[in-house]
Each structure stands twice: as structure tokens, then as C-alpha cells.
């Protein structure tokens, strides 16, 4: 099973969070993209843009932050953080 933890943080406080599970046979990249799309829909957010520094952080740590620069629309929190908490190999 693949699980992605999505957190919205404002002023160093957790505002909202959710875990998205994916049991499909898709690639890791597809699972991540599908999980982000699902989380953004549930949290009523636009999908963030993957900037170069965000991609590098995610590749190294399986965790990254999307700040205000990664969103086209105005957001009412400081950043959205995603972290892979379970992966099937």
C-alpha cells in the first residue's frame, strides 16, 4: 500500500491534514500525483506547481513543502507539506 500524508501549516501550527491511500499498481510518480490531486480536491485547493527545488527535496527525502509560490491562487496558510509514510516495494 502507498500512503501520502498531506498537511496544511500556518504559523507553525497544523491547520488540516489527511492521509491518502493508493493500492493501485501504478508507478510511484502516478501514485504521488493522484494522491496530491485527491487531497487538493478534498481540501478545496488548486493543484500546486512542482518547482525544481520541490522536486529535488521530494526525490531526496520523500517529503517536500509547497509554499505560496507553488500555488496559482491565493492560499490562507503558509505551506502544504507532503510526506510518503508507506510505500510498497
Protein backbone atom coordinates (compact mmCIF):
# COMPACT_ATOMS: atom_id res chain seq x y z
CA UNK A 1 0.00 0.00 0.00
CA UNK A 2 1.11 3.55 -0.73
CA UNK A 3 0.17 6.30 1.75
CA UNK A 4 0.85 10.02 1.44
CA UNK A 5 0.40 12.40 4.37
CA UNK A 6 -0.72 15.91 3.37
CA UNK A 7 -0.52 18.73 5.93
CA UNK A 8 -1.53 22.39 5.76
CA UNK A 9 0.54 24.51 8.15
CA UNK A 10 0.02 28.13 9.16
CA UNK A 11 2.21 29.98 11.64
CA UNK A 12 3.89 26.66 12.65
CA UNK A 13 0.51 25.13 13.55
CA UNK A 14 -1.16 22.24 11.82
CA UNK A 15 -4.38 23.57 10.26
CA UNK A 16 -5.60 20.47 8.38
CA UNK A 17 -4.18 17.12 7.46
CA UNK A 18 -5.19 13.94 5.70
CA UNK A 19 -3.71 10.65 4.57
CA UNK A 20 -4.33 9.46 1.03
CA UNK A 21 -4.05 5.73 0.38
CA UNK A 22 -3.45 4.13 -3.01
CA UNK A 23 -3.49 0.38 -3.61
CA UNK A 24 -3.22 0.55 -7.40
CA UNK A 25 -0.40 -0.91 -9.47
CA UNK A 26 0.59 2.50 -10.88
CA UNK A 27 4.13 3.83 -10.78
CA UNK A 28 5.29 5.78 -7.73
CA UNK A 29 5.07 9.05 -9.67
CA UNK A 30 1.47 8.37 -10.68
CA UNK A 31 0.57 7.44 -7.12
CA UNK A 32 2.04 10.68 -5.80
CA UNK A 33 0.30 12.80 -8.45
CA UNK A 34 -3.03 11.04 -7.93
CA UNK A 35 -2.75 11.43 -4.15
CA UNK A 36 -1.99 15.16 -4.44
CA UNK A 37 -4.91 15.63 -6.82
CA UNK A 38 -7.24 13.78 -4.43
CA UNK A 39 -6.01 15.75 -1.40
CA UNK A 40 -6.33 19.09 -3.19
CA UNK A 41 -9.88 18.22 -4.20
CA UNK A 42 -10.79 17.23 -0.63
CA UNK A 43 -9.12 20.33 0.85
CA UNK A 44 -10.57 22.61 -1.86
CA UNK A 45 -7.18 23.76 -3.19
CA UNK A 46 -5.72 24.25 -6.63
CA UNK A 47 -3.01 21.75 -7.54
CA UNK A 48 0.46 23.11 -6.73
CA UNK A 49 3.24 23.56 -9.26
CA UNK A 50 6.32 21.33 -8.90
CA UNK A 51 9.20 23.82 -8.82
CA UNK A 52 12.76 22.49 -9.23
CA UNK A 53 13.67 22.80 -5.55
CA UNK A 54 10.48 20.98 -4.54
CA UNK A 55 11.25 18.09 -6.92
CA UNK A 56 14.79 17.77 -5.52
CA UNK A 57 13.56 17.74 -1.91
CA UNK A 58 10.96 15.10 -2.70
CA UNK A 59 13.46 12.90 -4.53
CA UNK A 60 15.93 13.06 -1.65
CA UNK A 61 13.63 12.84 1.36
CA UNK A 62 10.20 11.61 0.12
CA UNK A 63 8.96 14.82 1.73
CA UNK A 64 8.54 18.39 0.48
CA UNK A 65 6.78 21.70 1.04
CA UNK A 66 4.70 23.71 -1.38
CA UNK A 67 4.76 27.36 -0.29
CA UNK A 68 2.74 30.28 -1.68
CA UNK A 69 4.95 30.42 -4.80
CA UNK A 70 3.81 26.94 -5.85
CA UNK A 71 0.11 27.87 -5.96
CA UNK A 72 -1.55 29.94 -8.67
CA UNK A 73 -4.39 31.02 -6.38
CA UNK A 74 -4.08 32.83 -3.05
CA UNK A 75 -3.76 30.43 -0.09
CA UNK A 76 -4.65 31.11 3.55
CA UNK A 77 -1.85 29.04 5.10
CA UNK A 78 1.96 29.18 4.99
CA UNK A 79 2.67 25.91 3.18
CA UNK A 80 1.40 22.47 2.25
CA UNK A 81 3.73 19.64 3.17
CA UNK A 82 3.54 16.14 1.72
CA UNK A 83 5.35 13.07 3.01
CA UNK A 84 5.34 9.45 1.88
CA UNK A 85 4.61 7.43 5.02
CA UNK A 86 4.28 3.99 3.46
CA UNK A 87 5.44 2.52 0.18
CA UNK A 88 5.11 -0.92 -1.32
CA UNK A 89 8.23 -2.26 -2.94
